[in-house]
Amino acid sequence: MKKNLVFFTETTGIGGAEVYLKILALNLDKEQFDISVAIPKNEGTENFVNEMRSKGISVEYIKRYNFLSNYLYFKKNKPDIIHFNVPFPIFFCCTIAILAGSFYSRSKLFATIHLAPPDYRPNLFFRSIINFIYRKLAVLITVSNKNKKALITNFDLPEDQIKVIYNCVNIDSVAKYNKEIAKDLKDKFSINDSAIVFGTVGRLHKQKGHQYLIEASKKVIEKVPNSIFLFVGTGSEKDRLVHIIEENNIKEHFRFVGFQEDLPEILALIDIFVLPSISEGLPFALLEAMAARKPVIATNVGGVPEIITDHYNGIVVEPRDANGLANAMILLAKDENKRDQMAQMGYTKIIDTFSIEKMIKMTEQIYKEY
């Protein structure tokens, strides 16, 4: 008999955690699971909801931080499994919903935590509450071994409760780009054919470290004058970032292109992918760039070292190190052979370790075993 599976998320925008939920909802075995999604209603998730519904996934709007509403939702839908999608382990992120799920008591409870910074340890009061609530979960999934270590150290959670399942990428869809798409997009964004395009994908938020990429760009432009920096994403930091760029008189080298529905097309015009983040879980954008055979540079945060072997299938630099970032960018911009070699090794890493099939199989196995 099919299991009734609810994915519960309190997100207000679209990021890696929502990409993860979408991959699971669309790829888990529909002969084993009846799948639905519970999500708050807001403009930031409208496209996500529409896509889920268009692909046959039931979506119902829920209230955030409301124990009674969440409990009544579970009582009405009678899920066998509730899987909470937690971008960050703070008090107001699904904790009330998890508690409501435990009171319903007929469901097995699972959660995935996407980001657990090693330097974030809440005070004793909040740590005790989060610990108490998380222990009601059958399994706590996280996306990197570094996250797992942080959850054990900073939240005093038992090691055997936490399982690591890496994020994945749909290799076939990401690899569909071609040179004609790249040419059309260069025309659209006013990028010269001779330009070296450095691209980054992510919310315009301080966590993503865009300001350090801007700082690094000044040195890069001196050495590689035909550099263009492509920022893909939206967010509250845009005005501040634009102001920094204008102050440094480098505006002509930057393109802010907002949210892009079809990331494989954007990857088609990028020569070198850069992830300058201050903190990460296991970044989907990095996996997608490697699947698209793009050479990558990323900061030494979260699960990045579990993806990149430095100077083999990419380059790793320390977070907030604009000079190190600039040197890596210049190195790859000036050495096409190195770019090609790293890109191929990165693609091989994705094929071997980060396939959808592996992620789905491990998740289904956890549902069965617990």
Protein backbone atom coordinates (compact mmCIF):
# COMPACT_ATOMS: atom_id res chain seq x y z
CA MET A 1 0.00 0.00 0.00
CA LYS A 2 1.20 3.51 -0.82
CA LYS A 3 2.55 5.75 1.92
CA ASN A 4 1.09 9.23 2.27
CA LEU A 5 4.15 11.53 2.24
CA VAL A 6 3.99 15.25 3.05
CA PHE A 7 6.91 17.60 2.45
CA PHE A 8 6.56 20.51 4.87
CA THR A 9 8.47 23.73 4.31
CA GLU A 10 8.14 27.26 5.73
CA THR A 11 10.18 28.93 3.02
CA THR A 12 9.34 32.39 1.65
CA GLY A 13 11.62 32.26 -1.38
CA ILE A 14 13.36 29.90 -3.76
CA GLY A 15 16.87 28.64 -3.07
CA GLY A 16 18.78 25.39 -2.73
CA ALA A 17 16.44 23.97 -0.10
CA GLU A 18 13.50 24.37 -2.46
CA VAL A 19 15.44 22.81 -5.36
CA TYR A 20 16.07 19.83 -3.08
CA LEU A 21 12.39 19.51 -2.20
CA LYS A 22 11.43 19.70 -5.88
CA ILE A 23 13.90 16.96 -6.84
CA LEU A 24 12.52 14.61 -4.18
CA ALA A 25 8.87 15.37 -4.89
CA LEU A 26 9.25 14.79 -8.61
CA ASN A 27 11.55 11.76 -8.52
CA LEU A 28 10.51 9.57 -5.58
CA ASP A 29 8.72 6.39 -6.62
CA LYS A 30 5.05 7.32 -7.20
CA GLU A 31 4.07 3.66 -6.82
CA GLN A 32 5.35 3.78 -3.23
CA PHE A 33 4.34 7.30 -2.22
CA ASP A 34 1.40 9.69 -2.56
CA ILE A 35 3.25 12.99 -2.38
CA SER A 36 2.01 16.43 -1.34
CA VAL A 37 3.66 19.69 -0.30
CA ALA A 38 2.68 22.09 2.48
CA ILE A 39 4.06 25.63 2.06
CA PRO A 40 3.22 29.22 3.13
CA LYS A 41 1.45 31.41 0.58
CA ASN A 42 3.57 34.33 -0.63
CA GLU A 43 4.85 35.87 -3.86
CA GLY A 44 8.33 34.42 -3.43
CA THR A 45 7.10 30.82 -3.81
CA GLU A 46 4.39 31.34 -6.44
CA ASN A 47 6.46 29.99 -9.36
CA PHE A 48 7.56 27.02 -7.29
CA VAL A 49 3.97 26.16 -6.36
CA ASN A 50 2.77 26.52 -9.95
CA GLU A 51 5.51 24.21 -11.20
CA MET A 52 4.72 21.57 -8.57
CA ARG A 53 1.03 21.65 -9.42
CA SER A 54 1.69 21.53 -13.16
CA LYS A 55 3.61 18.29 -12.61
CA GLY A 56 0.88 16.63 -10.60
CA ILE A 57 2.09 17.33 -7.06
CA SER A 58 -0.63 18.43 -4.64
CA VAL A 59 0.27 21.69 -2.86
CA GLU A 60 -1.63 23.14 0.09
CA TYR A 61 -0.95 26.46 1.78
CA ILE A 62 -0.21 26.44 5.51
CA LYS A 63 0.39 29.05 8.22
CA ARG A 64 3.91 29.55 9.53
CA TYR A 65 4.71 29.24 13.25
CA ASN A 66 1.17 28.12 14.10
CA PHE A 67 0.97 24.95 16.18
CA LEU A 68 -2.81 24.51 15.99
CA SER A 69 -2.99 25.14 12.24
CA ASN A 70 -0.14 22.71 11.57
CA TYR A 71 -1.63 20.05 13.84
CA LEU A 72 -5.03 20.31 12.16
CA TYR A 73 -3.38 20.09 8.75
CA PHE A 74 -1.65 16.83 9.73
CA LYS A 75 -4.85 15.47 11.30
CA LYS A 76 -6.80 16.21 8.11
CA ASN A 77 -4.23 14.77 5.68
CA LYS A 78 -3.19 11.77 7.83
CA PRO A 79 0.39 11.47 6.51
CA ASP A 80 2.38 8.31 7.12
CA ILE A 81 5.58 10.31 6.66
CA ILE A 82 6.24 14.01 7.22
CA HIS A 83 9.52 15.30 5.81
CA PHE A 84 10.41 18.80 7.04
CA ASN A 85 12.62 20.95 4.82
CA VAL A 86 14.83 23.13 7.06
CA PRO A 87 17.17 25.64 5.38
CA PHE A 88 18.82 26.61 8.69
CA PRO A 89 18.48 25.15 12.24
CA ILE A 90 17.08 28.14 14.08
CA PHE A 91 14.17 28.22 16.52
CA PHE A 92 11.64 29.64 14.05
CA CYS A 93 12.37 27.22 11.21
CA CYS A 94 9.89 24.31 11.25
CA THR A 95 10.36 23.65 14.98
CA ILE A 96 6.73 24.41 15.85
CA ALA A 97 5.59 22.28 12.90
CA ILE A 98 7.80 19.38 14.03
CA LEU A 99 6.28 19.63 17.49
CA ALA A 100 2.79 19.62 15.95
CA GLY A 101 3.74 16.55 13.91
CA SER A 102 4.91 14.75 17.03
CA PHE A 103 1.59 15.50 18.77
CA TYR A 104 -0.28 14.05 15.81
CA SER A 105 1.79 10.93 16.60
CA ARG A 106 0.70 8.74 13.67
CA SER A 107 3.45 9.91 11.34
CA LYS A 108 7.13 9.10 11.08
CA LEU A 109 9.01 12.38 11.17
CA PHE A 110 12.08 13.21 9.09
CA ALA A 111 13.88 16.48 8.41
CA THR A 112 16.61 17.70 6.13
CA ILE A 113 18.86 20.51 7.35
CA HIS A 114 20.68 22.23 4.50
CA LEU A 115 23.01 24.63 6.28
CA ALA A 116 24.67 24.24 9.69
CA PRO A 117 27.52 26.76 9.99
CA PRO A 118 30.33 25.46 12.22
CA ASP A 119 30.54 28.77 14.11
CA TYR A 120 26.82 28.96 14.94
CA ARG A 121 26.06 27.65 18.44
CA PRO A 122 22.82 29.00 19.94
CA ASN A 123 22.60 29.83 23.61
CA LEU A 124 21.71 27.10 26.08
CA PHE A 125 18.00 27.97 26.18
CA PHE A 126 17.40 27.81 22.42
CA ARG A 127 19.82 24.89 22.01
CA SER A 128 17.87 22.89 24.58
CA ILE A 129 14.54 23.59 22.85
CA ILE A 130 15.85 22.72 19.39
CA ASN A 131 17.54 19.59 20.74
CA PHE A 132 14.32 18.50 22.47
CA ILE A 133 12.25 18.98 19.31
CA TYR A 134 14.77 17.47 16.86
CA ARG A 135 14.98 14.31 18.96
CA LYS A 136 11.38 13.63 17.99
CA LEU A 137 12.57 12.97 14.44
CA ALA A 138 13.21 9.42 13.31
CA VAL A 139 16.15 10.64 11.23
CA LEU A 140 17.77 14.00 10.67
CA ILE A 141 19.22 14.17 7.14
CA THR A 142 21.88 16.68 6.23
CA VAL A 143 23.70 17.34 2.98
CA SER A 144 27.37 17.20 3.97
CA ASN A 145 29.66 15.62 6.56
CA LYS A 146 30.69 19.09 7.70
CA ASN A 147 27.05 19.90 8.45
CA LYS A 148 26.74 16.67 10.40
CA LYS A 149 29.73 17.54 12.55
CA ALA A 150 28.33 21.01 13.25
CA LEU A 151 24.93 19.60 14.25
CA ILE A 152 26.57 17.18 16.70
CA THR A 153 28.94 19.78 18.15
CA ASN A 154 26.69 22.85 18.25
CA PHE A 155 23.30 21.27 19.00
CA ASP A 156 24.38 18.24 21.07
CA LEU A 157 22.46 15.88 18.78
CA PRO A 158 23.24 12.14 18.76
CA GLU A 159 25.50 11.07 15.90
CA ASP A 160 23.44 7.99 15.04
CA GLN A 161 20.33 10.11 14.42
CA ILE A 162 22.02 12.10 11.62
CA LYS A 163 22.46 10.69 8.11
CA VAL A 164 24.33 12.38 5.25
CA ILE A 165 22.76 12.33 1.80
CA TYR A 166 24.45 14.55 -0.74
CA ASN A 167 22.47 16.91 -2.93
CA CYS A 168 22.33 15.93 -6.57
CA VAL A 169 21.94 17.36 -10.04
CA ASN A 170 19.98 16.31 -13.11
CA ILE A 171 22.97 15.83 -15.37
CA ASP A 172 21.01 15.41 -18.59
CA SER A 173 19.08 18.66 -18.21
CA VAL A 174 22.10 20.72 -17.16
CA ALA A 175 24.29 19.44 -20.01
CA LYS A 176 21.81 20.40 -22.73
CA TYR A 177 23.33 23.83 -23.44
CA ASN A 178 25.10 24.64 -26.74
CA LYS A 179 27.14 27.39 -28.35
CA GLU A 180 24.15 28.90 -30.16
CA ILE A 181 22.34 29.47 -26.85
CA ALA A 182 25.48 31.13 -25.48
CA LYS A 183 25.69 33.47 -28.48
CA ASP A 184 22.06 34.53 -28.14
CA LEU A 185 22.47 35.23 -24.42
CA LYS A 186 25.64 37.24 -24.99
CA ASP A 187 23.68 39.44 -27.37
CA LYS A 188 20.84 39.73 -24.84
CA PHE A 189 23.15 40.79 -22.00
CA SER A 190 25.48 42.94 -24.17
CA ILE A 191 28.53 40.72 -23.71
CA ASN A 192 31.28 40.78 -26.33
CA ASP A 193 32.24 37.45 -27.96
CA SER A 194 35.85 37.91 -26.80
CA ALA A 195 34.91 38.40 -23.14
CA ILE A 196 35.87 36.00 -20.36
CA VAL A 197 32.63 35.58 -18.41
CA PHE A 198 32.85 34.86 -14.68
CA GLY A 199 29.44 33.82 -13.40
CA THR A 200 27.92 33.31 -9.99
CA VAL A 201 24.42 32.07 -9.16
CA GLY A 202 22.64 32.69 -5.87
CA ARG A 203 20.49 35.03 -3.83
CA LEU A 204 21.93 38.53 -3.47
CA HIS A 205 22.48 38.08 0.25
CA LYS A 206 25.52 38.70 2.47
CA GLN A 207 25.89 34.94 3.02
CA LYS A 208 26.74 34.53 -0.66
CA GLY A 209 29.82 36.76 -0.47
CA HIS A 210 29.22 38.84 -3.61
CA GLN A 211 31.08 41.81 -2.14
CA TYR A 212 34.31 39.78 -2.05
CA LEU A 213 33.87 38.86 -5.70
CA ILE A 214 33.45 42.56 -6.50
CA GLU A 215 36.59 43.34 -4.51
CA ALA A 216 38.49 40.60 -6.36
CA SER A 217 37.22 41.85 -9.72
CA LYS A 218 39.35 45.01 -9.51
CA LYS A 219 42.57 42.99 -9.65
CA VAL A 220 41.13 40.62 -12.26
CA ILE A 221 40.15 43.51 -14.56
CA GLU A 222 43.74 44.85 -14.41
CA LYS A 223 45.13 41.50 -15.59
CA VAL A 224 42.21 40.37 -17.77
CA PRO A 225 40.64 43.56 -19.17
CA ASN A 226 37.98 41.67 -21.16
CA SER A 227 36.43 40.21 -17.98
CA ILE A 228 32.68 40.28 -17.44
CA PHE A 229 31.05 39.35 -14.13
CA LEU A 230 27.56 37.87 -14.37
CA PHE A 231 25.41 37.90 -11.22
CA VAL A 232 22.38 35.61 -11.44
CA GLY A 233 19.78 35.99 -8.70
CA THR A 234 17.72 38.51 -6.79
CA GLY A 235 17.85 39.78 -3.23
CA SER A 236 18.07 42.59 -0.73
CA GLU A 237 21.78 43.23 -1.31
CA LYS A 238 21.47 44.36 -4.93
CA ASP A 239 21.42 48.12 -4.33
CA ARG A 240 24.41 47.97 -2.00
CA LEU A 241 26.39 45.83 -4.44
CA VAL A 242 25.59 48.14 -7.36
CA HIS A 243 26.71 51.11 -5.25
CA ILE A 244 30.08 49.43 -4.50
CA ILE A 245 30.56 48.70 -8.21
CA GLU A 246 29.74 52.28 -9.22
CA GLU A 247 32.06 53.70 -6.56
CA ASN A 248 34.91 51.69 -8.08
CA ASN A 249 34.08 52.76 -11.66
CA ILE A 250 33.79 49.17 -12.92
CA LYS A 251 30.09 49.15 -13.80
CA GLU A 252 30.71 48.24 -17.47
CA HIS A 253 32.20 44.89 -16.36
CA PHE A 254 29.09 43.73 -14.44
CA ARG A 255 25.75 42.29 -15.47
CA PHE A 256 22.92 41.74 -12.97
CA VAL A 257 20.44 39.48 -14.77
CA GLY A 258 18.05 38.62 -11.94
CA PHE A 259 16.40 35.26 -11.42
CA GLN A 260 16.75 32.95 -14.43
CA GLU A 261 14.30 30.09 -14.84
CA ASP A 262 16.55 28.08 -17.17
CA LEU A 263 19.92 27.81 -15.43
CA PRO A 264 21.47 25.48 -18.07
CA GLU A 265 21.09 28.26 -20.62
CA ILE A 266 22.86 30.73 -18.32
CA LEU A 267 25.66 28.25 -17.70
CA ALA A 268 26.13 28.10 -21.47
CA LEU A 269 27.62 31.59 -21.58
CA ILE A 270 29.75 31.34 -18.42
CA ASP A 271 33.44 30.55 -18.94
CA ILE A 272 34.35 30.23 -15.25
CA PHE A 273 31.90 29.66 -12.40
CA VAL A 274 32.66 31.37 -9.07
CA LEU A 275 31.05 30.67 -5.68
CA PRO A 276 32.35 33.29 -3.18
CA SER A 277 30.03 32.29 -0.30
CA ILE A 278 30.72 32.89 3.38
CA SER A 279 28.69 29.81 4.33
CA GLU A 280 27.01 26.97 2.43
CA GLY A 281 25.50 23.53 2.90
CA LEU A 282 26.13 21.61 -0.31
CA PRO A 283 25.49 24.20 -3.04
CA PHE A 284 23.31 23.11 -5.95
CA ALA A 285 24.64 25.89 -8.18
CA LEU A 286 28.18 24.52 -7.84
CA LEU A 287 27.04 20.98 -8.69
CA GLU A 288 25.14 22.26 -11.73
CA ALA A 289 28.11 24.24 -12.99
CA MET A 290 30.35 21.17 -12.74
CA ALA A 291 27.70 19.03 -14.47
CA ALA A 292 27.74 21.61 -17.27
CA ARG A 293 31.51 21.07 -17.61
CA LYS A 294 32.43 24.50 -16.32
CA PRO A 295 35.67 25.12 -14.39
CA VAL A 296 34.80 26.21 -10.87
CA ILE A 297 36.27 28.32 -8.08
CA ALA A 298 34.60 28.13 -4.66
CA THR A 299 35.25 29.07 -1.06
CA ASN A 300 36.23 26.55 1.59
CA VAL A 301 32.85 26.43 3.33
CA GLY A 302 30.29 23.76 4.15
CA GLY A 303 30.39 20.75 1.87
CA VAL A 304 32.50 22.43 -0.82
CA PRO A 305 35.69 20.45 0.08
CA GLU A 306 33.60 17.27 -0.29
CA ILE A 307 32.96 18.27 -3.89
CA ILE A 308 36.19 19.95 -5.00
CA THR A 309 39.71 18.59 -4.72
CA ASP A 310 41.80 21.74 -4.94
CA HIS A 311 43.55 22.27 -8.29
CA TYR A 312 42.22 18.93 -9.56
CA ASN A 313 38.54 19.39 -10.36
CA GLY A 314 38.32 23.03 -9.29
CA ILE A 315 40.01 25.62 -7.09
CA VAL A 316 39.21 26.21 -3.42
CA VAL A 317 39.98 29.53 -1.71
CA GLU A 318 39.29 30.73 1.82
CA PRO A 319 36.08 32.71 2.45
CA ARG A 320 36.40 36.51 2.52
CA ASP A 321 39.79 36.27 0.74
CA ALA A 322 39.32 38.63 -2.20
CA ASN A 323 43.00 38.43 -3.16
CA GLY A 324 42.99 34.62 -3.23
CA LEU A 325 39.79 34.69 -5.24
CA ALA A 326 41.32 37.13 -7.73
CA ASN A 327 44.47 35.03 -8.16
CA ALA A 328 42.41 31.90 -8.88
CA MET A 329 40.26 33.75 -11.40
CA ILE A 330 43.29 35.19 -13.19
CA LEU A 331 44.98 31.78 -13.27
CA LEU A 332 42.03 30.11 -15.00
CA ALA A 333 41.30 33.05 -17.29
CA LYS A 334 44.84 32.87 -18.66
CA ASP A 335 45.06 29.07 -19.03
CA GLU A 336 42.42 27.52 -21.26
CA ASN A 337 43.94 24.04 -21.02
CA LYS A 338 43.71 24.12 -17.22
CA ARG A 339 40.09 25.27 -17.49
CA ASP A 340 39.26 22.36 -19.78
CA GLN A 341 41.04 19.78 -17.61
CA MET A 342 39.37 20.94 -14.39
CA ALA A 343 35.98 21.10 -16.09
CA GLN A 344 36.26 17.50 -17.26
CA MET A 345 37.40 16.26 -13.84
CA GLY A 346 34.52 18.16 -12.25
CA TYR A 347 32.01 16.55 -14.59
CA THR A 348 33.42 13.10 -13.74
CA LYS A 349 33.02 13.84 -10.02
CA ILE A 350 29.35 14.72 -10.52
CA ILE A 351 28.68 11.55 -12.52
CA ASP A 352 30.34 9.38 -9.85
CA THR A 353 28.95 10.95 -6.68
CA PHE A 354 26.04 13.34 -7.15
CA SER A 355 23.46 11.62 -9.32
CA ILE A 356 19.71 11.89 -8.78
CA GLU A 357 19.45 8.10 -8.72
CA LYS A 358 21.80 7.85 -5.74
CA MET A 359 20.03 10.60 -3.77
CA ILE A 360 16.58 9.12 -4.38
CA LYS A 361 17.65 5.57 -3.53
CA MET A 362 19.24 6.62 -0.23
CA THR A 363 16.21 8.72 0.77
CA GLU A 364 13.74 5.93 0.01
CA GLN A 365 15.91 3.52 1.98
CA ILE A 366 15.81 5.77 5.04
CA TYR A 367 12.00 6.01 4.83
CA LYS A 368 11.82 2.20 4.79
CA GLU A 369 14.36 1.47 7.52
CA TYR A 370 13.02 3.92 10.09
